[in-house]
Amino acid sequence: MKKINIAEKIKKYRRNNRLTQEEFGKLLGVSPQAISKWEREVCYPDITFLPDIALLLHCDVNDFFI
């Protein structure tokens, strides 16, 4: 079974869009600590955030699962 690595995708797309964790967190309405936890796989973003994350990072929700 293939492992889904949302953490790496969020980090990659965030950096490609030249956003800091703090900037990205403000855009989403979450703390930079939350973004850090997502990127370190301590926890995952709530599924309801995925469309907003994709929109802000200029990608498709499906990109997180490829």
N, C-alpha and C. Protein backbone atom coordinates (compact mmCIF):
# COMPACT_ATOMS: atom_id res chain seq x y z
N MET A 1 0.84 -1.17 0.00
CA MET A 1 0.00 0.00 0.00
C MET A 1 0.89 1.24 0.00
N LYS A 2 0.54 2.21 -0.83
CA LYS A 2 1.31 3.44 -0.94
C LYS A 2 0.99 4.39 0.20
N LYS A 3 2.03 4.96 0.81
CA LYS A 3 1.85 5.91 1.90
C LYS A 3 1.51 7.29 1.34
N ILE A 4 0.50 7.90 1.90
CA ILE A 4 0.13 9.27 1.53
C ILE A 4 0.98 10.21 2.37
N ASN A 5 1.67 11.12 1.69
CA ASN A 5 2.53 12.02 2.43
C ASN A 5 2.11 13.47 2.22
N ILE A 6 1.05 13.82 2.91
CA ILE A 6 0.52 15.18 2.82
C ILE A 6 1.54 16.18 3.35
N ALA A 7 2.27 15.80 4.38
CA ALA A 7 3.24 16.70 5.02
C ALA A 7 4.27 17.22 4.03
N GLU A 8 4.87 16.33 3.28
CA GLU A 8 5.89 16.73 2.29
C GLU A 8 5.30 17.63 1.22
N LYS A 9 4.08 17.32 0.79
CA LYS A 9 3.44 18.11 -0.25
C LYS A 9 3.14 19.53 0.23
N ILE A 10 2.60 19.65 1.44
CA ILE A 10 2.30 20.98 1.98
C ILE A 10 3.59 21.80 2.08
N LYS A 11 4.62 21.19 2.61
CA LYS A 11 5.90 21.90 2.76
C LYS A 11 6.47 22.32 1.40
N LYS A 12 6.43 21.40 0.44
CA LYS A 12 6.96 21.69 -0.90
C LYS A 12 6.20 22.83 -1.56
N TYR A 13 4.87 22.74 -1.57
CA TYR A 13 4.06 23.77 -2.23
C TYR A 13 4.16 25.11 -1.49
N ARG A 14 4.22 25.07 -0.15
CA ARG A 14 4.35 26.31 0.61
C ARG A 14 5.64 27.01 0.26
N ARG A 15 6.73 26.26 0.22
CA ARG A 15 8.03 26.85 -0.13
C ARG A 15 8.05 27.34 -1.58
N ASN A 16 7.45 26.58 -2.48
CA ASN A 16 7.38 27.00 -3.89
C ASN A 16 6.63 28.33 -4.04
N ASN A 17 5.69 28.58 -3.15
CA ASN A 17 4.93 29.82 -3.16
C ASN A 17 5.57 30.89 -2.28
N ARG A 18 6.76 30.59 -1.80
CA ARG A 18 7.55 31.54 -0.99
C ARG A 18 6.80 32.09 0.20
N LEU A 19 6.13 31.17 0.90
CA LEU A 19 5.41 31.54 2.11
C LEU A 19 6.11 30.95 3.32
N THR A 20 6.22 31.74 4.37
CA THR A 20 6.73 31.20 5.63
C THR A 20 5.59 30.44 6.30
N GLN A 21 5.92 29.67 7.30
CA GLN A 21 4.87 28.98 8.06
C GLN A 21 3.94 30.01 8.71
N GLU A 22 4.49 31.11 9.16
CA GLU A 22 3.69 32.15 9.79
C GLU A 22 2.73 32.79 8.78
N GLU A 23 3.23 33.13 7.61
CA GLU A 23 2.39 33.74 6.58
C GLU A 23 1.28 32.78 6.15
N PHE A 24 1.65 31.53 5.93
CA PHE A 24 0.68 30.54 5.50
C PHE A 24 -0.37 30.31 6.57
N GLY A 25 0.06 30.24 7.82
CA GLY A 25 -0.87 30.07 8.93
C GLY A 25 -1.88 31.22 9.01
N LYS A 26 -1.39 32.45 8.83
CA LYS A 26 -2.29 33.61 8.87
C LYS A 26 -3.34 33.53 7.76
N LEU A 27 -2.92 33.11 6.58
CA LEU A 27 -3.85 32.99 5.46
C LEU A 27 -4.94 31.95 5.74
N LEU A 28 -4.57 30.90 6.46
CA LEU A 28 -5.52 29.83 6.77
C LEU A 28 -6.27 30.05 8.08
N GLY A 29 -5.77 30.96 8.90
CA GLY A 29 -6.40 31.19 10.20
C GLY A 29 -5.98 30.19 11.24
N VAL A 30 -4.75 29.66 11.09
CA VAL A 30 -4.19 28.74 12.08
C VAL A 30 -2.82 29.26 12.50
N SER A 31 -2.29 28.70 13.56
CA SER A 31 -0.99 29.15 14.06
C SER A 31 0.15 28.59 13.22
N PRO A 32 1.31 29.27 13.26
CA PRO A 32 2.48 28.71 12.58
C PRO A 32 2.88 27.37 13.19
N GLN A 33 2.57 27.20 14.48
CA GLN A 33 2.87 25.92 15.13
C GLN A 33 2.05 24.79 14.52
N ALA A 34 0.82 25.09 14.13
CA ALA A 34 -0.02 24.07 13.48
C ALA A 34 0.59 23.67 12.14
N ILE A 35 1.04 24.67 11.38
CA ILE A 35 1.67 24.38 10.08
C ILE A 35 2.91 23.52 10.30
N SER A 36 3.70 23.87 11.29
CA SER A 36 4.90 23.09 11.61
C SER A 36 4.55 21.65 11.94
N LYS A 37 3.52 21.46 12.73
CA LYS A 37 3.10 20.09 13.10
C LYS A 37 2.64 19.31 11.88
N TRP A 38 1.92 19.98 10.96
CA TRP A 38 1.50 19.29 9.74
C TRP A 38 2.71 18.85 8.93
N GLU A 39 3.68 19.74 8.81
CA GLU A 39 4.85 19.46 7.97
C GLU A 39 5.79 18.43 8.60
N ARG A 40 5.70 18.25 9.91
CA ARG A 40 6.53 17.26 10.59
C ARG A 40 5.77 15.96 10.85
N GLU A 41 4.55 15.88 10.35
CA GLU A 41 3.69 14.71 10.51
C GLU A 41 3.36 14.41 11.97
N VAL A 42 3.37 15.44 12.81
CA VAL A 42 2.94 15.27 14.19
C VAL A 42 1.42 15.09 14.20
N CYS A 43 0.76 15.82 13.31
CA CYS A 43 -0.67 15.68 13.09
C CYS A 43 -0.96 16.13 11.66
N TYR A 44 -2.18 15.95 11.24
CA TYR A 44 -2.58 16.32 9.89
C TYR A 44 -3.63 17.42 9.94
N PRO A 45 -3.71 18.23 8.88
CA PRO A 45 -4.76 19.24 8.87
C PRO A 45 -6.14 18.58 8.80
N ASP A 46 -7.11 19.24 9.38
CA ASP A 46 -8.47 18.77 9.27
C ASP A 46 -8.82 18.70 7.79
N ILE A 47 -9.54 17.69 7.40
CA ILE A 47 -9.87 17.48 5.99
C ILE A 47 -10.61 18.68 5.40
N THR A 48 -11.32 19.42 6.22
CA THR A 48 -12.05 20.58 5.71
C THR A 48 -11.11 21.71 5.28
N PHE A 49 -9.84 21.68 5.72
CA PHE A 49 -8.86 22.68 5.32
C PHE A 49 -8.26 22.40 3.93
N LEU A 50 -8.35 21.17 3.46
CA LEU A 50 -7.65 20.81 2.23
C LEU A 50 -8.03 21.67 1.01
N PRO A 51 -9.30 21.97 0.78
CA PRO A 51 -9.61 22.85 -0.37
C PRO A 51 -8.96 24.23 -0.24
N ASP A 52 -8.97 24.80 0.96
CA ASP A 52 -8.34 26.11 1.17
C ASP A 52 -6.83 26.04 1.02
N ILE A 53 -6.24 24.98 1.53
CA ILE A 53 -4.79 24.79 1.40
C ILE A 53 -4.42 24.72 -0.08
N ALA A 54 -5.17 23.91 -0.83
CA ALA A 54 -4.90 23.76 -2.26
C ALA A 54 -5.06 25.08 -3.00
N LEU A 55 -6.09 25.82 -2.68
CA LEU A 55 -6.33 27.12 -3.32
C LEU A 55 -5.17 28.09 -3.05
N LEU A 56 -4.76 28.18 -1.79
CA LEU A 56 -3.68 29.09 -1.42
C LEU A 56 -2.33 28.69 -2.01
N LEU A 57 -2.14 27.39 -2.19
CA LEU A 57 -0.86 26.89 -2.70
C LEU A 57 -0.88 26.65 -4.21
N HIS A 58 -1.97 27.03 -4.86
CA HIS A 58 -2.10 26.91 -6.31
C HIS A 58 -1.89 25.48 -6.80
N CYS A 59 -2.60 24.57 -6.15
CA CYS A 59 -2.53 23.17 -6.58
C CYS A 59 -3.94 22.59 -6.43
N ASP A 60 -4.07 21.32 -6.71
CA ASP A 60 -5.33 20.63 -6.63
C ASP A 60 -5.33 19.76 -5.36
N VAL A 61 -6.47 19.60 -4.75
CA VAL A 61 -6.57 18.76 -3.55
C VAL A 61 -6.01 17.37 -3.82
N ASN A 62 -6.24 16.86 -5.01
CA ASN A 62 -5.74 15.51 -5.36
C ASN A 62 -4.23 15.43 -5.34
N ASP A 63 -3.54 16.55 -5.53
CA ASP A 63 -2.07 16.55 -5.51
C ASP A 63 -1.52 16.05 -4.18
N PHE A 64 -2.27 16.22 -3.11
CA PHE A 64 -1.80 15.79 -1.79
C PHE A 64 -1.82 14.28 -1.65
N PHE A 65 -2.52 13.60 -2.54
CA PHE A 65 -2.66 12.15 -2.43
C PHE A 65 -1.95 11.37 -3.53
N ILE A 66 -1.15 12.05 -4.31
CA ILE A 66 -0.43 11.39 -5.40
C ILE A 66 0.95 11.00 -4.92
